Structure formats: C-alpha cells, structure tokens
Amino acid sequence: MTCFVAHNRASAVEHINLRRGDTVDLDYETAWQDAIELGRLGEECGVSVQFRTIEHIAVRSPDALTRGLRTTKTTFRQRYLYCLFELTELSEPCLDELEARAVQHGDYLLAAHLLAETTLTWE
C-alpha cells in the first residue's frame, strides 16, 4: 500500500485525480476543511483519503527526542511523544528546553505506559 502525503489541497486533488497509490494523507493547516469533499472525490477515483489530527510517536531514546524536537516540525498534526526511556536520563536544563519546544509546537511529552498505538517511531 502506498501513501502520498499532501501538504496542500492542490497536490491532494492532483494525486487523487491521477489515481496513483492507495491513500492520500492530508497534512496541512486547513485539511480539516477539505477532508469530507476530498474523501468523496477519492471514493469516486478509488483512492482512500485520510485526515488525522494527532500523531502518536514512540520515542526510543533521549537522543531521538532531542533530535526530533530540535528539527523543524513538518506536520500540522499535534504530536503525542511517548518516551520509552526515563526522563531522568536528560539533564534538567535539557528537559526544560525540550518541554518548552514541545509546548511551542503544540505537542505533549507522555510516559511510555500511556502508549496505545503508534504512528511513527523516533529512533
């Protein structure tokens, strides 16, 4: 199954009309406004259209968390970051910085035991 990530309405419509791949994943700020209409267009063309507001990310190490939060966020989705390590492995200043970055991005740092499903894994 192939998945095309559309970062704007025009690319989503183009990809749906080309009937390439199995899924078009809407990932842009106003995607919630287009989801129903593009879903119907996708049905007509035999393409599944999905829109998710949240990504559930399993974070395997302090280094992965640091890299992930220090890089530019490329999704409009809110990210739930499930830390599969002890947060005490990070120094207090580092943890404060990462928590501030998460808040700035609209993301949450969560304990591993809350993880129910995973969209991505940061290694």
C-alpha atoms as a PDB file:
ATOM      1  CA  MET A   1       0.000   0.000   0.000  1.00  0.00           C
ATOM      2  CA  THR A   2       1.426   3.367  -1.000  1.00  0.00           C
ATOM      3  CA  CYS A   3       0.648   6.588   0.801  1.00  0.00           C
ATOM      4  CA  PHE A   4       1.076  10.073  -0.615  1.00  0.00           C
ATOM      5  CA  VAL A   5       1.286  12.916   1.903  1.00  0.00           C
ATOM      6  CA  ALA A   6      -0.386  16.038   0.555  1.00  0.00           C
ATOM      7  CA  HIS A   7       0.863  19.314   2.021  1.00  0.00           C
ATOM      8  CA  ASN A   8      -1.794  21.402   0.271  1.00  0.00           C
ATOM      9  CA  ARG A   9      -5.212  20.996  -1.347  1.00  0.00           C
ATOM     10  CA  ALA A  10      -3.927  21.315  -4.926  1.00  0.00           C
ATOM     11  CA  SER A  11      -1.462  18.434  -4.579  1.00  0.00           C
ATOM     12  CA  ALA A  12      -4.137  16.294  -2.905  1.00  0.00           C
ATOM     13  CA  VAL A  13      -6.619  16.882  -5.739  1.00  0.00           C
ATOM     14  CA  GLU A  14      -3.943  16.269  -8.370  1.00  0.00           C
ATOM     15  CA  HIS A  15      -2.856  12.996  -6.766  1.00  0.00           C
ATOM     16  CA  ILE A  16      -6.439  11.781  -6.316  1.00  0.00           C
ATOM     17  CA  ASN A  17      -7.258  12.555  -9.957  1.00  0.00           C
ATOM     18  CA  LEU A  18      -4.145  10.702 -11.121  1.00  0.00           C
ATOM     19  CA  ARG A  19      -5.476   7.631  -9.259  1.00  0.00           C
ATOM     20  CA  ARG A  20      -1.972   6.753  -8.121  1.00  0.00           C
ATOM     21  CA  GLY A  21      -1.453   4.855  -4.908  1.00  0.00           C
ATOM     22  CA  ASP A  22      -3.881   3.619  -2.384  1.00  0.00           C
ATOM     23  CA  THR A  23      -4.011   6.515   0.077  1.00  0.00           C
ATOM     24  CA  VAL A  24      -3.718  10.285   0.146  1.00  0.00           C
ATOM     25  CA  ASP A  25      -2.867  11.578   3.609  1.00  0.00           C
ATOM     26  CA  LEU A  26      -3.923  15.210   4.169  1.00  0.00           C
ATOM     27  CA  ASP A  27      -1.340  17.062   6.255  1.00  0.00           C
ATOM     28  CA  TYR A  28      -1.820  20.825   6.012  1.00  0.00           C
ATOM     29  CA  GLU A  29      -3.357  23.531   8.160  1.00  0.00           C
ATOM     30  CA  THR A  30      -6.786  23.677   6.505  1.00  0.00           C
ATOM     31  CA  ALA A  31      -7.055  19.961   5.701  1.00  0.00           C
ATOM     32  CA  TRP A  32      -9.928  19.559   8.156  1.00  0.00           C
ATOM     33  CA  GLN A  33     -11.995  21.819   5.878  1.00  0.00           C
ATOM     34  CA  ASP A  34     -11.256  19.682   2.812  1.00  0.00           C
ATOM     35  CA  ALA A  35     -11.403  16.192   4.330  1.00  0.00           C
ATOM     36  CA  ILE A  36     -15.037  15.353   3.522  1.00  0.00           C
ATOM     37  CA  GLU A  37     -15.031  16.762  -0.005  1.00  0.00           C
ATOM     38  CA  LEU A  38     -11.705  15.156  -0.895  1.00  0.00           C
ATOM     39  CA  GLY A  39     -12.828  11.907   0.712  1.00  0.00           C
ATOM     40  CA  ARG A  40     -15.799  11.818  -1.653  1.00  0.00           C
ATOM     41  CA  LEU A  41     -13.597  12.633  -4.637  1.00  0.00           C
ATOM     42  CA  GLY A  42     -11.242   9.874  -3.525  1.00  0.00           C
ATOM     43  CA  GLU A  43     -14.098   7.356  -3.377  1.00  0.00           C
ATOM     44  CA  GLU A  44     -15.044   8.245  -6.953  1.00  0.00           C
ATOM     45  CA  CYS A  45     -11.452   7.706  -8.063  1.00  0.00           C
ATOM     46  CA  GLY A  46     -10.751   4.605  -5.969  1.00  0.00           C
ATOM     47  CA  VAL A  47      -8.308   6.389  -3.672  1.00  0.00           C
ATOM     48  CA  SER A  48      -8.560   6.413   0.100  1.00  0.00           C
ATOM     49  CA  VAL A  49      -8.237   9.859   1.679  1.00  0.00           C
ATOM     50  CA  GLN A  50      -7.303  10.158   5.324  1.00  0.00           C
ATOM     51  CA  PHE A  51      -7.018  13.073   7.702  1.00  0.00           C
ATOM     52  CA  ARG A  52      -5.511  12.701  11.157  1.00  0.00           C
ATOM     53  CA  THR A  53      -5.167  15.439  13.735  1.00  0.00           C
ATOM     54  CA  ILE A  54      -2.739  13.579  16.003  1.00  0.00           C
ATOM     55  CA  GLU A  55       0.424  11.530  15.541  1.00  0.00           C
ATOM     56  CA  HIS A  56       1.359   9.026  18.244  1.00  0.00           C
ATOM     57  CA  ILE A  57       5.151   8.816  18.280  1.00  0.00           C
ATOM     58  CA  ALA A  58       7.142   6.264  20.270  1.00  0.00           C
ATOM     59  CA  VAL A  59      10.447   7.875  21.260  1.00  0.00           C
ATOM     60  CA  ARG A  60      13.125   5.265  21.994  1.00  0.00           C
ATOM     61  CA  SER A  61      15.924   7.415  23.465  1.00  0.00           C
ATOM     62  CA  PRO A  62      16.802  10.830  24.851  1.00  0.00           C
ATOM     63  CA  ASP A  63      18.855  11.492  21.699  1.00  0.00           C
ATOM     64  CA  ALA A  64      15.855  10.730  19.496  1.00  0.00           C
ATOM     65  CA  LEU A  65      13.686  13.118  21.499  1.00  0.00           C
ATOM     66  CA  THR A  66      16.320  15.840  21.298  1.00  0.00           C
ATOM     67  CA  ARG A  67      16.758  15.424  17.528  1.00  0.00           C
ATOM     68  CA  GLY A  68      13.025  15.267  16.916  1.00  0.00           C
ATOM     69  CA  LEU A  69      12.168  18.400  18.860  1.00  0.00           C
ATOM     70  CA  ARG A  70      15.141  20.440  17.631  1.00  0.00           C
ATOM     71  CA  THR A  71      14.371  19.877  13.952  1.00  0.00           C
ATOM     72  CA  THR A  72      11.748  21.831  12.057  1.00  0.00           C
ATOM     73  CA  LYS A  73       8.263  20.425  12.541  1.00  0.00           C
ATOM     74  CA  THR A  74       6.942  19.402   9.117  1.00  0.00           C
ATOM     75  CA  THR A  75       3.419  18.423  10.117  1.00  0.00           C
ATOM     76  CA  PHE A  76       0.403  20.393  11.257  1.00  0.00           C
ATOM     77  CA  ARG A  77      -0.649  17.482  13.433  1.00  0.00           C
ATOM     78  CA  GLN A  78      -0.347  17.524  17.168  1.00  0.00           C
ATOM     79  CA  ARG A  79       2.273  15.012  18.284  1.00  0.00           C
ATOM     80  CA  TYR A  80       1.970  12.839  21.368  1.00  0.00           C
ATOM     81  CA  LEU A  81       5.550  11.875  22.195  1.00  0.00           C
ATOM     82  CA  TYR A  82       5.657   8.695  24.283  1.00  0.00           C
ATOM     83  CA  CYS A  83       9.062   8.498  25.949  1.00  0.00           C
ATOM     84  CA  LEU A  84      10.179   4.852  26.114  1.00  0.00           C
ATOM     85  CA  PHE A  85      13.007   5.835  28.468  1.00  0.00           C
ATOM     86  CA  GLU A  86      13.323   7.524  31.824  1.00  0.00           C
ATOM     87  CA  LEU A  87      13.155  11.306  31.562  1.00  0.00           C
ATOM     88  CA  THR A  88      15.731  11.412  34.352  1.00  0.00           C
ATOM     89  CA  GLU A  89      18.279  10.417  31.680  1.00  0.00           C
ATOM     90  CA  LEU A  90      18.078  14.038  30.493  1.00  0.00           C
ATOM     91  CA  SER A  91      19.651  16.881  32.441  1.00  0.00           C
ATOM     92  CA  GLU A  92      17.161  19.285  33.973  1.00  0.00           C
ATOM     93  CA  PRO A  93      18.122  22.189  31.656  1.00  0.00           C
ATOM     94  CA  CYS A  94      17.833  19.926  28.609  1.00  0.00           C
ATOM     95  CA  LEU A  95      14.451  18.603  29.724  1.00  0.00           C
ATOM     96  CA  ASP A  96      13.218  22.147  30.348  1.00  0.00           C
ATOM     97  CA  GLU A  97      14.307  23.154  26.841  1.00  0.00           C
ATOM     98  CA  LEU A  98      12.649  20.127  25.222  1.00  0.00           C
ATOM     99  CA  GLU A  99       9.435  20.617  27.158  1.00  0.00           C
ATOM    100  CA  ALA A 100       9.365  24.273  26.053  1.00  0.00           C
ATOM    101  CA  ARG A 101       9.903  23.219  22.429  1.00  0.00           C
ATOM    102  CA  ALA A 102       7.111  20.636  22.695  1.00  0.00           C
ATOM    103  CA  VAL A 103       4.726  23.252  24.107  1.00  0.00           C
ATOM    104  CA  GLN A 104       5.748  25.711  21.385  1.00  0.00           C
ATOM    105  CA  HIS A 105       4.862  23.084  18.749  1.00  0.00           C
ATOM    106  CA  GLY A 106       1.604  22.142  20.485  1.00  0.00           C
ATOM    107  CA  ASP A 107       2.982  18.686  21.312  1.00  0.00           C
ATOM    108  CA  TYR A 108       2.936  16.627  24.505  1.00  0.00           C
ATOM    109  CA  LEU A 109       5.630  14.588  26.246  1.00  0.00           C
ATOM    110  CA  LEU A 110       3.991  11.486  27.722  1.00  0.00           C
ATOM    111  CA  ALA A 111       5.028   8.438  29.707  1.00  0.00           C
ATOM    112  CA  ALA A 112       5.531   5.157  27.848  1.00  0.00           C
ATOM    113  CA  HIS A 113       2.788   3.315  29.742  1.00  0.00           C
ATOM    114  CA  LEU A 114       0.183   5.562  28.066  1.00  0.00           C
ATOM    115  CA  LEU A 115       1.148   4.352  24.584  1.00  0.00           C
ATOM    116  CA  ALA A 116      -1.728   2.522  22.918  1.00  0.00           C
ATOM    117  CA  GLU A 117      -0.980   2.989  19.224  1.00  0.00           C
ATOM    118  CA  THR A 118       1.985   4.224  17.233  1.00  0.00           C
ATOM    119  CA  THR A 119       2.001   6.326  14.086  1.00  0.00           C
ATOM    120  CA  LEU A 120       5.788   6.784  13.995  1.00  0.00           C
ATOM    121  CA  THR A 121       8.877   5.808  15.936  1.00  0.00           C
ATOM    122  CA  TRP A 122      11.794   8.100  16.620  1.00  0.00           C
ATOM    123  CA  GLU A 123      14.959   6.003  16.953  1.00  0.00           C
END
